[in-house]
Protein backbone atom coordinates (compact mmCIF):
# COMPACT_ATOMS: atom_id res chain seq x y z
CA UNK A 1 12.95 51.86 19.54
CA UNK A 2 15.62 49.45 21.05
CA UNK A 3 14.81 46.41 23.42
CA UNK A 4 17.11 43.54 24.71
CA UNK A 5 15.80 39.86 23.89
CA UNK A 6 16.69 36.83 25.13
CA UNK A 7 17.83 34.31 22.22
CA UNK A 8 18.61 30.49 22.34
CA UNK A 9 21.87 30.66 19.99
CA UNK A 10 22.24 26.97 20.39
CA UNK A 11 21.35 24.23 22.11
CA UNK A 12 22.31 24.94 25.72
CA UNK A 13 23.36 28.94 25.14
CA UNK A 14 21.09 31.79 25.50
CA UNK A 15 22.64 35.30 24.53
CA UNK A 16 20.83 38.74 25.46
CA UNK A 17 20.70 40.27 22.20
CA UNK A 18 19.66 44.01 21.29
CA UNK A 19 16.86 44.48 18.82
CA UNK A 20 14.57 47.14 16.95
CA UNK A 21 11.09 47.18 18.01
CA UNK A 22 9.30 48.48 15.07
CA UNK A 23 5.79 50.43 15.40
CA UNK A 24 3.09 47.90 14.82
CA UNK A 25 1.30 47.66 11.19
CA UNK A 26 -2.19 47.59 10.03
CA UNK A 27 -4.11 44.93 11.97
CA UNK A 28 -1.10 44.30 14.63
CA UNK A 29 -1.30 45.40 18.47
CA UNK A 30 2.31 45.84 20.53
CA UNK A 31 1.91 43.90 23.46
CA UNK A 32 4.37 44.13 26.97
CA UNK A 33 4.93 40.46 27.69
CA UNK A 34 3.72 39.91 31.65
CA UNK A 35 4.37 36.28 31.97
CA UNK A 36 5.95 33.39 29.89
CA UNK A 37 5.09 29.50 30.47
CA UNK A 38 8.38 27.24 30.12
CA UNK A 39 6.88 24.59 27.80
CA UNK A 40 8.09 21.36 26.80
CA UNK A 41 8.95 22.30 23.23
CA UNK A 42 11.43 25.05 25.00
CA UNK A 43 12.90 22.21 27.06
CA UNK A 44 13.78 20.43 23.67
CA UNK A 45 14.89 22.94 22.22
CA UNK A 46 17.40 24.17 25.01
CA UNK A 47 18.56 20.32 24.51
CA UNK A 48 18.74 20.10 20.84
CA UNK A 49 15.76 17.62 20.44
CA UNK A 50 12.99 19.72 19.02
CA UNK A 51 11.60 19.05 15.76
CA UNK A 52 11.10 21.28 13.23
CA UNK A 53 13.28 23.95 14.95
CA UNK A 54 16.15 26.21 13.98
CA UNK A 55 18.71 28.36 15.60
CA UNK A 56 18.87 30.86 16.82
CA UNK A 57 15.47 31.83 17.73
CA UNK A 58 14.00 33.96 20.65
CA UNK A 59 11.62 31.25 22.34
CA UNK A 60 8.60 31.77 24.14
CA UNK A 61 5.02 30.69 22.63
CA UNK A 62 3.13 30.80 26.19
CA UNK A 63 2.42 34.28 26.74
CA UNK A 64 0.28 36.42 29.12
CA UNK A 65 0.79 40.23 27.89
CA UNK A 66 -0.83 43.77 28.41
CA UNK A 67 -1.98 45.91 25.56
CA UNK A 68 0.11 48.72 24.70
CA UNK A 69 -1.30 50.18 21.22
CA UNK A 70 -3.36 49.07 18.51
CA UNK A 71 -3.03 50.07 14.76
CA UNK A 72 -6.67 49.33 13.57
CA UNK A 73 -9.97 48.63 14.47
CA UNK A 74 -10.13 46.63 17.26
CA UNK A 75 -12.32 46.03 20.46
CA UNK A 76 -9.21 45.47 22.41
CA UNK A 77 -8.00 48.71 24.51
CA UNK A 78 -4.48 49.82 26.00
CA UNK A 79 -4.00 48.25 29.33
CA UNK A 80 -5.86 45.07 28.64
CA UNK A 81 -4.49 41.80 29.78
CA UNK A 82 -4.78 39.18 27.05
CA UNK A 83 -3.61 35.81 26.13
CA UNK A 84 -1.69 35.41 23.20
CA UNK A 85 -3.06 32.74 20.36
CA UNK A 86 0.81 32.09 19.20
CA UNK A 87 -0.16 30.38 15.92
CA UNK A 88 0.23 32.53 13.13
CA UNK A 89 -2.01 31.14 10.36
CA UNK A 90 -3.06 32.64 6.92
CA UNK A 91 -6.52 32.94 7.10
CA UNK A 92 -7.32 32.37 3.34
CA UNK A 93 -5.09 28.88 3.72
CA UNK A 94 -7.79 26.01 2.85
CA UNK A 95 -7.75 24.92 6.74
CA UNK A 96 -8.25 28.19 8.34
CA UNK A 97 -11.42 28.58 5.74
CA UNK A 98 -12.23 25.00 7.51
CA UNK A 99 -11.74 26.42 10.88
CA UNK A 100 -8.42 24.47 11.42
CA UNK A 101 -6.31 27.48 12.35
CA UNK A 102 -4.20 25.15 14.45
CA UNK A 103 -2.89 23.32 11.29
CA UNK A 104 -2.86 25.78 8.26
CA UNK A 105 -0.56 24.73 5.80
CA UNK A 106 1.53 27.49 6.21
CA UNK A 107 1.43 28.06 10.08
CA UNK A 108 4.38 30.02 12.03
CA UNK A 109 4.53 29.49 15.71
CA UNK A 110 5.87 32.05 17.80
CA UNK A 111 8.98 30.82 19.68
CA UNK A 112 9.02 27.82 17.19
CA UNK A 113 9.29 29.00 13.56
CA UNK A 114 9.75 32.38 14.25
CA UNK A 115 10.61 34.65 17.22
CA UNK A 116 8.63 34.53 20.13
CA UNK A 117 8.00 35.96 23.44
CA UNK A 118 11.34 36.31 25.64
CA UNK A 119 11.50 39.91 25.30
CA UNK A 120 10.15 42.79 26.78
CA UNK A 121 7.55 43.64 24.18
CA UNK A 122 6.49 42.33 20.46
CA UNK A 123 3.97 42.96 17.77
CA UNK A 124 1.56 40.56 16.64
CA UNK A 125 -2.06 40.35 14.77
CA UNK A 126 -4.48 41.94 17.07
CA UNK A 127 -6.66 38.82 16.12
CA UNK A 128 -4.32 36.63 17.87
CA UNK A 129 -4.83 38.25 21.50
CA UNK A 130 -7.46 37.06 23.88
CA UNK A 131 -9.06 39.41 26.15
CA UNK A 132 -10.12 38.41 29.83
CA UNK A 133 -11.14 39.57 33.37
CA UNK A 134 -8.67 37.65 35.02
CA UNK A 135 -6.06 39.72 36.97
CA UNK A 136 -3.18 37.06 37.23
CA UNK A 137 -0.91 37.22 34.38
CA UNK A 138 0.20 33.34 35.69
CA UNK A 139 -3.02 31.87 34.74
CA UNK A 140 -3.27 33.59 31.03
CA UNK A 141 0.29 32.24 30.26
CA UNK A 142 -1.24 28.85 31.07
CA UNK A 143 -4.02 29.12 28.40
CA UNK A 144 -2.07 28.16 25.38
CA UNK A 145 -0.91 24.62 27.21
CA UNK A 146 -4.23 24.12 28.49
CA UNK A 147 -5.84 24.78 25.14
CA UNK A 148 -3.66 21.75 23.69
CA UNK A 149 -5.46 19.76 26.00
CA UNK A 150 -8.73 21.20 25.34
CA UNK A 151 -8.21 20.48 21.64
CA UNK A 152 -7.33 16.80 22.54
CA UNK A 153 -10.40 16.15 24.30
CA UNK A 154 -12.56 17.68 21.70
CA UNK A 155 -10.83 15.64 18.99
CA UNK A 156 -11.46 12.55 21.00
CA UNK A 157 -15.44 13.28 21.44
CA UNK A 158 -15.48 11.77 24.62
CA UNK A 159 -18.81 11.23 26.47
CA UNK A 160 -19.81 10.02 30.37
CA UNK A 161 -19.67 6.35 29.19
CA UNK A 162 -15.95 6.26 27.97
CA UNK A 163 -13.24 5.16 30.06
CA UNK A 164 -10.15 6.97 29.07
CA UNK A 165 -6.76 6.46 29.78
CA UNK A 166 -3.92 9.39 29.81
CA UNK A 167 -0.20 7.89 29.45
CA UNK A 168 1.72 10.46 30.47
CA UNK A 169 1.16 13.10 33.36
CA UNK A 170 3.39 15.98 32.64
CA UNK A 171 1.84 19.26 31.74
CA UNK A 172 0.08 18.32 28.41
CA UNK A 173 -0.95 15.14 30.31
CA UNK A 174 -2.26 17.23 32.76
CA UNK A 175 -4.08 19.56 30.36
CA UNK A 176 -5.85 16.61 28.57
CA UNK A 177 -6.98 15.75 32.41
CA UNK A 178 -8.11 19.25 33.34
CA UNK A 179 -10.85 19.05 30.59
CA UNK A 180 -11.04 15.67 30.32
CA UNK A 181 -12.63 15.09 33.83
CA UNK A 182 -15.22 17.50 32.70
CA UNK A 183 -16.48 14.92 30.33
CA UNK A 184 -16.21 11.65 32.29
CA UNK A 185 -15.04 10.69 35.78
CA UNK A 186 -14.09 6.88 34.40
CA UNK A 187 -10.26 7.60 34.14
CA UNK A 188 -6.84 6.39 34.58
CA UNK A 189 -3.65 8.16 34.56
CA UNK A 190 -0.23 6.26 34.29
CA UNK A 191 3.02 7.64 34.38
CA UNK A 192 6.61 6.44 35.34
CA UNK A 193 6.83 9.20 38.13
CA UNK A 194 5.04 8.26 41.58
CA UNK A 195 4.73 11.95 42.71
CA UNK A 196 3.50 12.88 39.09
CA UNK A 197 0.72 10.37 39.89
CA UNK A 198 0.19 11.49 43.49
CA UNK A 199 -0.51 15.07 41.99
CA UNK A 200 -2.86 13.72 39.81
CA UNK A 201 -5.01 12.23 42.73
CA UNK A 202 -4.63 15.16 45.10
CA UNK A 203 -4.98 17.88 42.51
CA UNK A 204 -7.62 16.32 40.27
CA UNK A 205 -9.35 13.61 42.58
CA UNK A 206 -8.24 10.68 40.02
CA UNK A 207 -9.06 7.62 41.73
CA UNK A 208 -7.10 5.19 39.73
CA UNK A 209 -3.66 5.51 38.56
CA UNK A 210 -0.78 3.06 37.33
CA UNK A 211 2.75 3.58 38.16
CA UNK A 212 4.84 2.39 34.99
CA UNK A 213 7.86 0.11 34.94
CA UNK A 214 10.25 0.68 32.30
CA UNK A 215 9.99 -2.04 29.51
CA UNK A 216 6.89 -3.62 31.43
CA UNK A 217 3.77 -4.20 30.03
CA UNK A 218 0.98 -2.03 31.60
CA UNK A 219 -2.12 -4.59 30.64
CA UNK A 220 -3.04 -6.29 33.69
CA UNK A 221 -2.89 -3.34 35.43
CA UNK A 222 -5.00 -1.28 33.19
CA UNK A 223 -7.47 -4.44 33.17
CA UNK A 224 -7.58 -4.26 36.95
CA UNK A 225 -7.90 -0.48 37.04
CA UNK A 226 -11.42 -0.56 34.84
CA UNK A 227 -12.63 -4.46 35.97
CA UNK A 228 -11.51 -6.28 32.74
CA UNK A 229 -12.12 -3.83 30.09
CA UNK A 230 -9.64 -1.91 27.89
CA UNK A 231 -10.03 2.00 27.67
CA UNK A 232 -12.44 3.28 24.95
CA UNK A 233 -9.95 6.18 24.49
CA UNK A 234 -6.10 6.77 25.04
CA UNK A 235 -4.62 9.87 25.23
CA UNK A 236 -0.70 9.62 24.73
CA UNK A 237 1.19 12.71 26.13
CA UNK A 238 4.70 10.87 26.40
CA UNK A 239 6.01 11.82 23.11
CA UNK A 240 7.88 8.42 23.31
CA UNK A 241 7.76 6.19 20.56
CA UNK A 242 7.84 3.06 22.62
CA UNK A 243 4.75 4.22 24.56
CA UNK A 244 3.20 5.41 21.62
CA UNK A 245 3.51 2.13 19.63
CA UNK A 246 2.17 -0.14 22.66
CA UNK A 247 -1.28 2.24 22.49
CA UNK A 248 -2.56 -0.44 19.80
CA UNK A 249 -2.06 -2.97 21.92
CA UNK A 250 -4.04 -1.14 24.83
CA UNK A 251 -7.30 0.00 23.17
CA UNK A 252 -10.77 -1.41 23.36
CA UNK A 253 -12.33 -2.81 20.07
CA UNK A 254 -13.60 0.54 18.40
CA UNK A 255 -11.67 2.45 20.57
CA UNK A 256 -10.05 5.96 19.93
CA UNK A 257 -6.35 7.01 20.27
CA UNK A 258 -5.40 10.53 20.48
CA UNK A 259 -1.57 11.11 19.68
CA UNK A 260 -1.07 14.59 21.86
CA UNK A 261 2.70 14.15 21.91
CA UNK A 262 5.17 13.75 19.18
CA UNK A 263 8.67 12.41 18.21
CA UNK A 264 10.81 12.72 15.70
CA UNK A 265 10.29 9.44 13.91
CA UNK A 266 7.48 6.81 12.37
CA UNK A 267 4.59 5.38 13.82
CA UNK A 268 4.37 1.80 13.17
CA UNK A 269 1.53 -0.63 14.12
CA UNK A 270 -0.05 -4.10 12.93
CA UNK A 271 -2.40 -3.87 10.28
CA UNK A 272 -4.35 -6.69 10.98
CA UNK A 273 -4.63 -5.85 14.77
CA UNK A 274 -5.87 -2.31 13.52
CA UNK A 275 -8.43 -3.28 11.23
CA UNK A 276 -9.83 -5.88 13.55
CA UNK A 277 -10.40 -3.91 16.34
CA UNK A 278 -11.57 -1.07 13.94
CA UNK A 279 -9.28 1.70 15.87
CA UNK A 280 -9.62 5.12 15.06
CA UNK A 281 -6.31 7.12 15.15
CA UNK A 282 -6.24 10.93 15.85
CA UNK A 283 -3.42 13.25 15.93
CA UNK A 284 -3.98 16.60 17.99
CA UNK A 285 -2.33 19.63 16.86
CA UNK A 286 -2.30 22.61 19.15
CA UNK A 287 -5.69 24.60 19.63
CA UNK A 288 -8.28 26.28 17.13
CA UNK A 289 -8.92 30.33 17.72
CA UNK A 290 -12.14 29.77 19.32
CA UNK A 291 -10.72 27.28 22.02
CA UNK A 292 -8.58 29.70 23.16
CA UNK A 293 -11.56 31.86 24.02
CA UNK A 294 -13.06 28.77 25.67
CA UNK A 295 -9.99 27.89 27.82
CA UNK A 296 -10.29 31.44 29.47
CA UNK A 297 -13.86 31.28 30.14
CA UNK A 298 -13.39 28.16 31.88
CA UNK A 299 -10.67 29.51 34.08
CA UNK A 300 -12.80 32.43 34.66
CA UNK A 301 -15.70 30.22 36.10
CA UNK A 302 -13.43 28.56 37.93
CA UNK A 303 -14.23 25.19 36.08
CA UNK A 304 -10.46 24.67 35.74
CA UNK A 305 -7.94 25.72 38.43
CA UNK A 306 -4.70 26.51 37.68
CA UNK A 307 -3.07 27.34 40.96
CA UNK A 308 -1.86 23.95 41.68
CA UNK A 309 0.37 23.99 38.52
CA UNK A 310 3.40 26.46 38.67
CA UNK A 311 6.33 25.31 41.15
CA UNK A 312 9.16 27.28 39.65
CA UNK A 313 9.41 30.73 39.12
CA UNK A 314 11.93 33.09 37.00
CA UNK A 315 12.13 36.65 35.63
CA UNK A 316 13.57 37.98 32.17
CA UNK A 317 16.46 39.36 33.77
CA UNK A 318 17.82 36.17 35.17
CA UNK A 319 16.19 33.78 33.17
CA UNK A 320 19.36 32.77 31.09
CA UNK A 321 21.27 32.06 34.24
CA UNK A 322 18.48 29.81 36.08
CA UNK A 323 16.57 28.08 33.01
CA UNK A 324 19.18 25.30 32.84
CA UNK A 325 18.93 23.88 36.66
CA UNK A 326 15.47 24.78 36.68
CA UNK A 327 14.08 22.33 33.82
CA UNK A 328 16.63 19.81 35.29
CA UNK A 329 15.06 20.14 38.82
CA UNK A 330 13.15 16.43 39.45
CA UNK A 331 10.14 18.44 41.30
CA UNK A 332 9.38 20.70 38.12
CA UNK A 333 5.75 20.61 37.22
CA UNK A 334 5.66 24.19 35.41
CA UNK A 335 7.81 26.80 35.37
CA UNK A 336 7.01 30.51 34.48
CA UNK A 337 9.02 33.82 33.46
CA UNK A 338 7.99 37.05 34.57
CA UNK A 339 8.47 40.29 33.19
CA UNK A 340 10.36 42.70 35.41
CA UNK A 341 8.61 45.77 36.89
């Protein structure tokens, strides 16, 4: 079976390519891609700034799909709407055996390390498909992104007494906020962009926000927002080296820092300060298999509302023409690519 995929040939240049779609192997399902979320990873890859990335590559890892066929035993059925877990782990690896499927030693992420979902259909392991009663592919296309925030909050061990600061109110920061507000109401969000902060106030009810000025410390504004105490937990969702380095000065004694974003470089900190405050530093990568189902349940029950997220739309037929202008739009919050009917 032949189909046409959209492939990123090199930074800034997509091409339509013809490919063969083989029958799914034992344990795999063929799925029809219904909706693709455009992630910061895709944007960085388009600009040539994504770590662990090689060209050419078919992008697309935030995927909502419809089951076409299944090879092997499975509870899935054709026609079922699913969210795709794009983290292809080795179930026999040491990390996977400990339940850490998100950071398997030989992890391959669809659309990053191997070809992803910017094509009509694809074969994936059946165990990577998470069914839902939701009727909207838009909602399921946001599950992977929301899972990143859910996993970061789980890593933080936040409780109702903690004061938490989120640095960066882009999609990943918002995914953290979506789940963090279910743990504590003592929230502060900081970002360079006032429109992003306004969205946090309006859509999430965040009462305390800080607009950051480049190169200026936020310590005074942070202490004012917290009543004189530094935050117990900081989530850095910027992927910016300078921002990540400042967290060691902004965290309370005994506090926890969670790096959700990443950059291509080294993180350095002053060890006496690190030890004096007894800081816990955590990285957070992807989400585990159970967390995908937890995110879906949160959307289904209304605990998470995805309605305000999507600001831009494309379809698979015009994505190559619209991608560059869409990701450059200063009003972009979240873009999705739909499959043509």
